[in-house]
Amino acid sequence: MRIGNVDIGELKPIPTIESGDEKEVYAFYGLAAFNAQCAEKALVNFAMGYKLLDSSALNQEEWLELYDGLSSRTFGRLLNQVKKQVELPNELRIHLEETLEKRNWLAHNFFYDFAVHLADFDGRVVMIDELQKLILLFQIADRSIEKLSSAVWEQFGVTDDWIQTEMNAQIHEYESTKMPNQG
């Protein structure tokens, strides 16, 4: 899949509606919120990469302070910063602006706007359909930003292989803390 001139590869499949009950609405909302958060953190990492390009060598404390400062910014403030630093393809810029608008709507008004829809099956299906669209929107934003930022991070030795090695180490560390199943 492409957005503008950025090849974002394949996206994760979006689940289909199974029961249309309230729990499923909340599950899809959670998945939409998760994907919105992924897009936001991808934007933090992208902004961080460009900040590092502009800065002299930072020690670990300065690096963490810079990252924490960027992480505390809203999606909108991050997007504005990135647009000042980088000439984004027009299609991607428009997509990210829509992502910002929809992310804010999801966080602040989704359940308010769909309050009566929770009352019956057809209304919940409408809600889930909207959430599926948001999931796709956020996945595209996340993958697009990741693709652009990977070129920046490679300059610091952070490659896809390095990231996979780090993820595997974190998964191994997590799994080593779990208690073995007793039974």
N, C-alpha and C. Protein backbone atom coordinates (compact mmCIF):
# COMPACT_ATOMS: atom_id res chain seq x y z
N MET A 1 0.85 -1.17 0.00
CA MET A 1 0.00 0.00 0.00
C MET A 1 0.89 1.24 0.00
N ARG A 2 0.41 2.27 -0.66
CA ARG A 2 1.17 3.53 -0.74
C ARG A 2 0.29 4.68 -0.28
N ILE A 3 0.94 5.65 0.34
CA ILE A 3 0.29 6.93 0.62
C ILE A 3 1.25 7.99 0.10
N GLY A 4 0.82 8.69 -0.92
CA GLY A 4 1.73 9.59 -1.60
C GLY A 4 2.84 8.76 -2.22
N ASN A 5 4.08 9.15 -1.97
CA ASN A 5 5.21 8.41 -2.51
C ASN A 5 5.82 7.46 -1.47
N VAL A 6 5.10 7.20 -0.38
CA VAL A 6 5.62 6.36 0.69
C VAL A 6 4.97 4.98 0.61
N ASP A 7 5.80 3.96 0.41
CA ASP A 7 5.30 2.57 0.40
C ASP A 7 5.26 2.09 1.84
N ILE A 8 4.06 1.86 2.36
CA ILE A 8 3.92 1.49 3.77
C ILE A 8 3.77 -0.01 3.97
N GLY A 9 3.78 -0.78 2.90
CA GLY A 9 3.67 -2.22 3.02
C GLY A 9 2.26 -2.66 3.40
N GLU A 10 2.17 -3.86 3.93
CA GLU A 10 0.88 -4.43 4.30
C GLU A 10 0.47 -3.97 5.69
N LEU A 11 -0.82 -3.79 5.88
CA LEU A 11 -1.35 -3.43 7.19
C LEU A 11 -1.90 -4.67 7.88
N LYS A 12 -2.02 -4.57 9.20
CA LYS A 12 -2.63 -5.66 9.95
C LYS A 12 -4.11 -5.73 9.59
N PRO A 13 -4.64 -6.94 9.46
CA PRO A 13 -6.07 -7.03 9.14
C PRO A 13 -6.93 -6.49 10.29
N ILE A 14 -8.02 -5.88 9.93
CA ILE A 14 -8.95 -5.33 10.92
C ILE A 14 -10.00 -6.40 11.20
N PRO A 15 -10.24 -6.71 12.47
CA PRO A 15 -11.23 -7.75 12.78
C PRO A 15 -12.61 -7.40 12.22
N THR A 16 -13.39 -8.43 12.02
CA THR A 16 -14.76 -8.24 11.56
C THR A 16 -15.70 -8.31 12.76
N ILE A 17 -16.92 -7.85 12.55
CA ILE A 17 -17.93 -7.88 13.60
C ILE A 17 -18.33 -9.34 13.85
N GLU A 18 -18.38 -9.71 15.12
CA GLU A 18 -18.80 -11.07 15.46
C GLU A 18 -20.20 -11.10 16.08
N SER A 19 -20.42 -10.28 17.11
CA SER A 19 -21.69 -10.36 17.82
C SER A 19 -22.48 -9.05 17.83
N GLY A 20 -21.80 -7.94 17.68
CA GLY A 20 -22.47 -6.65 17.70
C GLY A 20 -22.97 -6.23 19.07
N ASP A 21 -22.44 -6.85 20.13
CA ASP A 21 -22.88 -6.46 21.47
C ASP A 21 -22.02 -5.31 22.00
N GLU A 22 -22.38 -4.80 23.17
CA GLU A 22 -21.67 -3.66 23.74
C GLU A 22 -20.19 -3.96 23.97
N LYS A 23 -19.90 -5.16 24.43
CA LYS A 23 -18.49 -5.51 24.69
C LYS A 23 -17.67 -5.41 23.41
N GLU A 24 -18.26 -5.75 22.30
CA GLU A 24 -17.53 -5.68 21.04
C GLU A 24 -17.28 -4.22 20.64
N VAL A 25 -18.23 -3.34 20.91
CA VAL A 25 -18.02 -1.91 20.66
C VAL A 25 -16.81 -1.44 21.45
N TYR A 26 -16.77 -1.81 22.73
CA TYR A 26 -15.65 -1.38 23.58
C TYR A 26 -14.33 -2.00 23.12
N ALA A 27 -14.38 -3.23 22.63
CA ALA A 27 -13.16 -3.88 22.13
C ALA A 27 -12.64 -3.15 20.89
N PHE A 28 -13.54 -2.80 19.98
CA PHE A 28 -13.11 -2.06 18.79
C PHE A 28 -12.63 -0.65 19.16
N TYR A 29 -13.28 -0.04 20.14
CA TYR A 29 -12.81 1.26 20.61
C TYR A 29 -11.39 1.13 21.15
N GLY A 30 -11.15 0.09 21.92
CA GLY A 30 -9.81 -0.14 22.46
C GLY A 30 -8.78 -0.33 21.35
N LEU A 31 -9.15 -1.07 20.31
CA LEU A 31 -8.22 -1.28 19.20
C LEU A 31 -7.98 0.02 18.44
N ALA A 32 -9.02 0.82 18.27
CA ALA A 32 -8.85 2.12 17.62
C ALA A 32 -7.94 3.03 18.45
N ALA A 33 -8.18 3.06 19.77
CA ALA A 33 -7.35 3.89 20.66
C ALA A 33 -5.90 3.40 20.64
N PHE A 34 -5.70 2.09 20.62
CA PHE A 34 -4.35 1.52 20.54
C PHE A 34 -3.64 1.99 19.26
N ASN A 35 -4.32 1.90 18.13
CA ASN A 35 -3.72 2.31 16.87
C ASN A 35 -3.48 3.81 16.81
N ALA A 36 -4.36 4.60 17.42
CA ALA A 36 -4.14 6.04 17.49
C ALA A 36 -2.88 6.33 18.31
N GLN A 37 -2.71 5.59 19.40
CA GLN A 37 -1.54 5.78 20.25
C GLN A 37 -0.27 5.36 19.52
N CYS A 38 -0.34 4.29 18.73
CA CYS A 38 0.82 3.88 17.93
C CYS A 38 1.22 4.98 16.95
N ALA A 39 0.23 5.57 16.29
CA ALA A 39 0.53 6.66 15.36
C ALA A 39 1.16 7.84 16.09
N GLU A 40 0.64 8.14 17.27
CA GLU A 40 1.17 9.26 18.04
C GLU A 40 2.62 8.99 18.47
N LYS A 41 2.91 7.78 18.93
CA LYS A 41 4.28 7.46 19.34
C LYS A 41 5.22 7.41 18.14
N ALA A 42 4.71 6.99 16.98
CA ALA A 42 5.53 7.03 15.77
C ALA A 42 5.90 8.47 15.45
N LEU A 43 4.97 9.38 15.65
CA LEU A 43 5.24 10.80 15.42
C LEU A 43 6.27 11.33 16.43
N VAL A 44 6.20 10.87 17.67
CA VAL A 44 7.20 11.24 18.68
C VAL A 44 8.58 10.77 18.22
N ASN A 45 8.67 9.52 17.78
CA ASN A 45 9.96 8.98 17.33
C ASN A 45 10.50 9.71 16.11
N PHE A 46 9.60 10.08 15.21
CA PHE A 46 10.00 10.82 14.01
C PHE A 46 10.54 12.19 14.41
N ALA A 47 9.81 12.90 15.27
CA ALA A 47 10.26 14.21 15.74
C ALA A 47 11.58 14.09 16.50
N MET A 48 11.71 13.03 17.28
CA MET A 48 12.94 12.80 18.05
C MET A 48 14.14 12.62 17.11
N GLY A 49 13.95 11.85 16.06
CA GLY A 49 15.03 11.65 15.10
C GLY A 49 15.50 12.95 14.49
N TYR A 50 14.57 13.79 14.12
CA TYR A 50 14.96 15.07 13.54
C TYR A 50 15.58 16.00 14.57
N LYS A 51 15.13 15.93 15.81
CA LYS A 51 15.76 16.73 16.88
C LYS A 51 17.21 16.30 17.06
N LEU A 52 17.44 14.98 17.00
CA LEU A 52 18.81 14.48 17.18
C LEU A 52 19.70 14.89 16.02
N LEU A 53 19.15 14.95 14.82
CA LEU A 53 19.95 15.40 13.68
C LEU A 53 20.40 16.84 13.86
N ASP A 54 19.55 17.64 14.51
CA ASP A 54 19.85 19.06 14.71
C ASP A 54 20.72 19.33 15.93
N SER A 55 20.88 18.33 16.80
CA SER A 55 21.60 18.55 18.06
C SER A 55 22.98 17.93 18.00
N SER A 56 23.84 18.44 18.85
CA SER A 56 25.14 17.79 18.99
C SER A 56 24.93 16.51 19.79
N ALA A 57 25.96 15.75 19.97
CA ALA A 57 25.85 14.48 20.69
C ALA A 57 25.27 14.72 22.08
N LEU A 58 24.26 13.92 22.42
CA LEU A 58 23.61 14.05 23.72
C LEU A 58 24.02 12.89 24.61
N ASN A 59 24.12 13.17 25.91
CA ASN A 59 24.32 12.06 26.82
C ASN A 59 22.97 11.41 27.09
N GLN A 60 22.96 10.29 27.81
CA GLN A 60 21.73 9.54 28.01
C GLN A 60 20.67 10.37 28.73
N GLU A 61 21.07 11.13 29.74
CA GLU A 61 20.12 11.94 30.50
C GLU A 61 19.47 12.99 29.60
N GLU A 62 20.26 13.65 28.76
CA GLU A 62 19.72 14.67 27.85
C GLU A 62 18.79 14.02 26.82
N TRP A 63 19.18 12.84 26.34
CA TRP A 63 18.37 12.12 25.37
C TRP A 63 17.01 11.78 25.96
N LEU A 64 17.00 11.24 27.19
CA LEU A 64 15.74 10.88 27.85
C LEU A 64 14.89 12.11 28.14
N GLU A 65 15.52 13.20 28.52
CA GLU A 65 14.79 14.44 28.78
C GLU A 65 14.12 14.95 27.50
N LEU A 66 14.86 14.90 26.40
CA LEU A 66 14.31 15.32 25.11
C LEU A 66 13.14 14.42 24.72
N TYR A 67 13.30 13.11 24.86
CA TYR A 67 12.24 12.16 24.51
C TYR A 67 11.01 12.37 25.38
N ASP A 68 11.21 12.53 26.68
CA ASP A 68 10.08 12.76 27.59
C ASP A 68 9.35 14.05 27.23
N GLY A 69 10.10 15.08 26.86
CA GLY A 69 9.48 16.34 26.46
C GLY A 69 8.63 16.18 25.21
N LEU A 70 9.12 15.43 24.24
CA LEU A 70 8.34 15.20 23.03
C LEU A 70 7.13 14.32 23.32
N SER A 71 7.30 13.33 24.18
CA SER A 71 6.20 12.41 24.51
C SER A 71 5.05 13.11 25.21
N SER A 72 5.34 14.20 25.89
CA SER A 72 4.27 14.90 26.61
C SER A 72 3.48 15.85 25.70
N ARG A 73 3.93 16.02 24.48
CA ARG A 73 3.22 16.91 23.55
C ARG A 73 2.02 16.19 22.94
N THR A 74 1.05 16.98 22.56
CA THR A 74 -0.13 16.42 21.91
C THR A 74 0.21 16.06 20.46
N PHE A 75 -0.63 15.23 19.87
CA PHE A 75 -0.46 14.84 18.48
C PHE A 75 -0.39 16.08 17.59
N GLY A 76 -1.27 17.05 17.85
CA GLY A 76 -1.30 18.26 17.04
C GLY A 76 -0.01 19.06 17.12
N ARG A 77 0.52 19.20 18.32
CA ARG A 77 1.78 19.95 18.48
C ARG A 77 2.94 19.21 17.82
N LEU A 78 2.95 17.88 17.95
CA LEU A 78 3.99 17.09 17.29
C LEU A 78 3.90 17.23 15.77
N LEU A 79 2.68 17.14 15.26
CA LEU A 79 2.49 17.24 13.82
C LEU A 79 2.95 18.61 13.31
N ASN A 80 2.61 19.66 14.03
CA ASN A 80 3.06 21.00 13.62
C ASN A 80 4.58 21.10 13.63
N GLN A 81 5.22 20.50 14.63
CA GLN A 81 6.68 20.53 14.69
C GLN A 81 7.28 19.77 13.51
N VAL A 82 6.75 18.60 13.23
CA VAL A 82 7.26 17.80 12.12
C VAL A 82 7.06 18.54 10.79
N LYS A 83 5.91 19.16 10.60
CA LYS A 83 5.64 19.89 9.35
C LYS A 83 6.61 21.06 9.17
N LYS A 84 7.09 21.64 10.28
CA LYS A 84 8.07 22.73 10.18
C LYS A 84 9.45 22.19 9.79
N GLN A 85 9.76 20.96 10.21
CA GLN A 85 11.08 20.40 9.98
C GLN A 85 11.21 19.63 8.68
N VAL A 86 10.09 19.04 8.22
CA VAL A 86 10.14 18.10 7.11
C VAL A 86 9.09 18.47 6.07
N GLU A 87 9.47 18.38 4.82
CA GLU A 87 8.52 18.57 3.72
C GLU A 87 7.82 17.23 3.49
N LEU A 88 6.63 17.09 4.05
CA LEU A 88 5.87 15.85 3.92
C LEU A 88 5.15 15.82 2.58
N PRO A 89 5.04 14.63 1.97
CA PRO A 89 4.21 14.53 0.76
C PRO A 89 2.80 15.05 1.07
N ASN A 90 2.20 15.76 0.15
CA ASN A 90 0.91 16.40 0.37
C ASN A 90 -0.15 15.40 0.82
N GLU A 91 -0.22 14.24 0.17
CA GLU A 91 -1.22 13.24 0.54
C GLU A 91 -1.01 12.77 1.98
N LEU A 92 0.23 12.60 2.39
CA LEU A 92 0.52 12.19 3.77
C LEU A 92 0.17 13.30 4.76
N ARG A 93 0.51 14.54 4.43
CA ARG A 93 0.18 15.67 5.30
C ARG A 93 -1.33 15.74 5.53
N ILE A 94 -2.11 15.60 4.46
CA ILE A 94 -3.57 15.63 4.58
C ILE A 94 -4.05 14.45 5.44
N HIS A 95 -3.46 13.28 5.22
CA HIS A 95 -3.84 12.10 6.01
C HIS A 95 -3.53 12.31 7.49
N LEU A 96 -2.38 12.87 7.79
CA LEU A 96 -2.01 13.11 9.19
C LEU A 96 -2.90 14.16 9.84
N GLU A 97 -3.30 15.17 9.08
CA GLU A 97 -4.23 16.17 9.62
C GLU A 97 -5.59 15.55 9.92
N GLU A 98 -6.04 14.65 9.05
CA GLU A 98 -7.29 13.93 9.31
C GLU A 98 -7.13 13.00 10.51
N THR A 99 -5.95 12.37 10.62
CA THR A 99 -5.68 11.51 11.76
C THR A 99 -5.77 12.30 13.06
N LEU A 100 -5.20 13.49 13.07
CA LEU A 100 -5.28 14.35 14.25
C LEU A 100 -6.74 14.65 14.61
N GLU A 101 -7.50 15.06 13.61
CA GLU A 101 -8.90 15.40 13.85
C GLU A 101 -9.68 14.19 14.38
N LYS A 102 -9.48 13.03 13.76
CA LYS A 102 -10.23 11.83 14.16
C LYS A 102 -9.73 11.28 15.49
N ARG A 103 -8.45 11.41 15.78
CA ARG A 103 -7.91 10.97 17.06
C ARG A 103 -8.53 11.77 18.19
N ASN A 104 -8.62 13.09 18.00
CA ASN A 104 -9.23 13.94 19.02
C ASN A 104 -10.72 13.63 19.19
N TRP A 105 -11.40 13.41 18.08
CA TRP A 105 -12.82 13.06 18.14
C TRP A 105 -13.02 11.74 18.87
N LEU A 106 -12.18 10.75 18.57
CA LEU A 106 -12.28 9.46 19.24
C LEU A 106 -12.10 9.62 20.75
N ALA A 107 -11.12 10.38 21.14
CA ALA A 107 -10.80 10.54 22.56
C ALA A 107 -11.84 11.37 23.31
N HIS A 108 -12.44 12.34 22.65
CA HIS A 108 -13.27 13.30 23.37
C HIS A 108 -14.78 13.22 23.10
N ASN A 109 -15.17 12.73 21.92
CA ASN A 109 -16.59 12.84 21.55
C ASN A 109 -17.23 11.58 20.98
N PHE A 110 -16.47 10.53 20.73
CA PHE A 110 -17.04 9.36 20.07
C PHE A 110 -18.27 8.83 20.79
N PHE A 111 -18.13 8.51 22.07
CA PHE A 111 -19.26 7.93 22.79
C PHE A 111 -20.39 8.94 23.00
N TYR A 112 -20.07 10.19 23.11
CA TYR A 112 -21.11 11.23 23.21
C TYR A 112 -21.93 11.27 21.92
N ASP A 113 -21.22 11.31 20.79
CA ASP A 113 -21.90 11.40 19.50
C ASP A 113 -22.72 10.15 19.17
N PHE A 114 -22.31 9.00 19.71
CA PHE A 114 -23.00 7.74 19.41
C PHE A 114 -23.76 7.18 20.61
N ALA A 115 -24.08 8.01 21.58
CA ALA A 115 -24.69 7.53 22.83
C ALA A 115 -25.94 6.68 22.59
N VAL A 116 -26.85 7.14 21.76
CA VAL A 116 -28.08 6.37 21.55
C VAL A 116 -27.86 5.12 20.71
N HIS A 117 -26.77 5.08 19.97
CA HIS A 117 -26.48 3.92 19.13
C HIS A 117 -26.20 2.65 19.95
N LEU A 118 -25.76 2.83 21.18
CA LEU A 118 -25.47 1.67 22.02
C LEU A 118 -26.73 0.88 22.39
N ALA A 119 -27.88 1.48 22.19
CA ALA A 119 -29.14 0.88 22.64
C ALA A 119 -29.57 -0.34 21.83
N ASP A 120 -29.14 -0.43 20.57
CA ASP A 120 -29.59 -1.59 19.79
C ASP A 120 -28.49 -2.11 18.87
N PHE A 121 -28.75 -3.27 18.32
CA PHE A 121 -27.78 -3.96 17.47
C PHE A 121 -27.36 -3.10 16.28
N ASP A 122 -28.32 -2.56 15.54
CA ASP A 122 -28.00 -1.77 14.34
C ASP A 122 -27.13 -0.57 14.68
N GLY A 123 -27.42 0.09 15.78
CA GLY A 123 -26.62 1.23 16.20
C GLY A 123 -25.20 0.83 16.55
N ARG A 124 -25.07 -0.29 17.25
CA ARG A 124 -23.72 -0.77 17.61
C ARG A 124 -22.92 -1.16 16.37
N VAL A 125 -23.60 -1.70 15.37
CA VAL A 125 -22.91 -2.05 14.11
C VAL A 125 -22.40 -0.77 13.44
N VAL A 126 -23.19 0.28 13.47
CA VAL A 126 -22.75 1.58 12.91
C VAL A 126 -21.50 2.06 13.66
N MET A 127 -21.52 1.94 14.99
CA MET A 127 -20.37 2.36 15.80
C MET A 127 -19.13 1.55 15.45
N ILE A 128 -19.29 0.24 15.34
CA ILE A 128 -18.14 -0.63 15.04
C ILE A 128 -17.61 -0.33 13.64
N ASP A 129 -18.52 -0.09 12.69
CA ASP A 129 -18.09 0.27 11.33
C ASP A 129 -17.23 1.53 11.36
N GLU A 130 -17.65 2.52 12.12
CA GLU A 130 -16.87 3.76 12.24
C GLU A 130 -15.51 3.49 12.89
N LEU A 131 -15.50 2.65 13.91
CA LEU A 131 -14.24 2.31 14.58
C LEU A 131 -13.31 1.55 13.64
N GLN A 132 -13.84 0.68 12.81
CA GLN A 132 -13.01 -0.03 11.84
C GLN A 132 -12.34 0.96 10.88
N LYS A 133 -13.08 1.97 10.46
CA LYS A 133 -12.51 3.00 9.57
C LYS A 133 -11.39 3.76 10.29
N LEU A 134 -11.61 4.06 11.56
CA LEU A 134 -10.59 4.77 12.34
C LEU A 134 -9.34 3.91 12.51
N ILE A 135 -9.53 2.64 12.76
CA ILE A 135 -8.38 1.73 12.91
C ILE A 135 -7.53 1.78 11.64
N LEU A 136 -8.17 1.69 10.49
CA LEU A 136 -7.44 1.75 9.22
C LEU A 136 -6.72 3.09 9.07
N LEU A 137 -7.40 4.18 9.35
CA LEU A 137 -6.81 5.51 9.26
C LEU A 137 -5.55 5.60 10.14
N PHE A 138 -5.65 5.13 11.38
CA PHE A 138 -4.54 5.22 12.32
C PHE A 138 -3.40 4.28 11.93
N GLN A 139 -3.73 3.10 11.41
CA GLN A 139 -2.68 2.18 10.96
C GLN A 139 -1.88 2.79 9.81
N ILE A 140 -2.57 3.41 8.88
CA ILE A 140 -1.88 4.03 7.75
C ILE A 140 -0.98 5.16 8.24
N ALA A 141 -1.47 5.98 9.16
CA ALA A 141 -0.64 7.06 9.71
C ALA A 141 0.59 6.50 10.41
N ASP A 142 0.40 5.49 11.23
CA ASP A 142 1.50 4.87 11.97
C ASP A 142 2.55 4.32 11.01
N ARG A 143 2.14 3.53 10.05
CA ARG A 143 3.09 2.91 9.12
C ARG A 143 3.78 3.96 8.25
N SER A 144 3.07 4.98 7.83
CA SER A 144 3.67 6.03 7.00
C SER A 144 4.77 6.76 7.76
N ILE A 145 4.46 7.13 8.99
CA ILE A 145 5.45 7.84 9.81
C ILE A 145 6.63 6.93 10.11
N GLU A 146 6.36 5.67 10.42
CA GLU A 146 7.46 4.73 10.67
C GLU A 146 8.38 4.62 9.47
N LYS A 147 7.82 4.52 8.27
CA LYS A 147 8.63 4.40 7.06
C LYS A 147 9.51 5.63 6.87
N LEU A 148 8.95 6.82 7.08
CA LEU A 148 9.75 8.03 6.92
C LEU A 148 10.82 8.15 8.00
N SER A 149 10.47 7.80 9.23
CA SER A 149 11.43 7.96 10.31
C SER A 149 12.53 6.91 10.27
N SER A 150 12.27 5.77 9.65
CA SER A 150 13.32 4.74 9.60
C SER A 150 14.56 5.24 8.86
N ALA A 151 14.37 6.08 7.85
CA ALA A 151 15.52 6.64 7.12
C ALA A 151 16.34 7.54 8.04
N VAL A 152 15.67 8.27 8.91
CA VAL A 152 16.38 9.15 9.85
C VAL A 152 17.12 8.31 10.89
N TRP A 153 16.42 7.33 11.48
CA TRP A 153 17.01 6.53 12.55
C TRP A 153 18.15 5.64 12.06
N GLU A 154 18.14 5.24 10.79
CA GLU A 154 19.24 4.44 10.26
C GLU A 154 20.57 5.19 10.33
N GLN A 155 20.50 6.52 10.29
CA GLN A 155 21.72 7.32 10.42
C GLN A 155 22.35 7.18 11.80
N PHE A 156 21.57 6.73 12.77
CA PHE A 156 22.06 6.50 14.14
C PHE A 156 22.29 5.02 14.41
N GLY A 157 22.20 4.19 13.36
CA GLY A 157 22.41 2.75 13.53
C GLY A 157 21.18 1.99 13.97
N VAL A 158 20.04 2.63 13.99
CA VAL A 158 18.80 1.97 14.40
C VAL A 158 18.11 1.46 13.13
N THR A 159 18.34 0.17 12.85
CA THR A 159 17.77 -0.47 11.67
C THR A 159 16.61 -1.36 12.08
N ASP A 160 15.90 -1.88 11.09
CA ASP A 160 14.81 -2.82 11.39
C ASP A 160 15.34 -4.04 12.14
N ASP A 161 16.52 -4.52 11.75
CA ASP A 161 17.11 -5.68 12.44
C ASP A 161 17.44 -5.33 13.89
N TRP A 162 17.98 -4.15 14.12
CA TRP A 162 18.31 -3.72 15.48
C TRP A 162 17.04 -3.65 16.33
N ILE A 163 15.98 -3.07 15.76
CA ILE A 163 14.71 -2.96 16.48
C ILE A 163 14.16 -4.35 16.81
N GLN A 164 14.22 -5.27 15.85
CA GLN A 164 13.72 -6.63 16.09
C GLN A 164 14.53 -7.32 17.18
N THR A 165 15.83 -7.13 17.20
CA THR A 165 16.67 -7.71 18.24
C THR A 165 16.29 -7.15 19.61
N GLU A 166 16.07 -5.84 19.68
CA GLU A 166 15.66 -5.21 20.94
C GLU A 166 14.29 -5.72 21.39
N MET A 167 13.36 -5.84 20.45
CA MET A 167 12.02 -6.35 20.79
C MET A 167 12.11 -7.78 21.31
N ASN A 168 12.91 -8.61 20.65
CA ASN A 168 13.07 -9.99 21.11
C ASN A 168 13.65 -10.04 22.51
N ALA A 169 14.61 -9.16 22.80
CA ALA A 169 15.20 -9.12 24.14
C ALA A 169 14.16 -8.70 25.17
N GLN A 170 13.33 -7.72 24.84
CA GLN A 170 12.29 -7.28 25.77
C GLN A 170 11.23 -8.37 25.99
N ILE A 171 10.87 -9.07 24.93
CA ILE A 171 9.91 -10.17 25.07
C ILE A 171 10.51 -11.27 25.94
N HIS A 172 11.77 -11.60 25.71
CA HIS A 172 12.43 -12.62 26.51
C HIS A 172 12.48 -12.20 27.98
N GLU A 173 12.81 -10.94 28.24
CA GLU A 173 12.85 -10.44 29.61
C GLU A 173 11.47 -10.53 30.26
N TYR A 174 10.45 -10.14 29.53
CA TYR A 174 9.08 -10.23 30.05
C TYR A 174 8.70 -11.67 30.35
N GLU A 175 8.96 -12.55 29.42
CA GLU A 175 8.60 -13.96 29.61
C GLU A 175 9.35 -14.60 30.77
N SER A 176 10.57 -14.15 31.02
CA SER A 176 11.35 -14.72 32.12
C SER A 176 10.81 -14.31 33.49
N THR A 177 9.99 -13.25 33.53
CA THR A 177 9.43 -12.80 34.81
C THR A 177 8.09 -13.47 35.11
N LYS A 178 7.50 -14.13 34.11
CA LYS A 178 6.21 -14.78 34.32
C LYS A 178 6.41 -16.08 35.09
N MET A 179 5.45 -16.38 35.93
CA MET A 179 5.48 -17.63 36.69
C MET A 179 5.08 -18.77 35.74
N PRO A 180 5.76 -19.90 35.84
CA PRO A 180 5.35 -21.03 34.98
C PRO A 180 3.94 -21.48 35.37
N ASN A 181 3.22 -21.98 34.37
CA ASN A 181 1.86 -22.49 34.65
C ASN A 181 1.92 -23.65 35.61
N GLN A 182 1.07 -23.57 36.59
CA GLN A 182 1.00 -24.66 37.56
C GLN A 182 -0.26 -25.43 37.30
N GLY A 183 -0.15 -26.68 37.06
CA GLY A 183 -1.37 -27.39 36.81
C GLY A 183 -1.14 -28.65 36.16
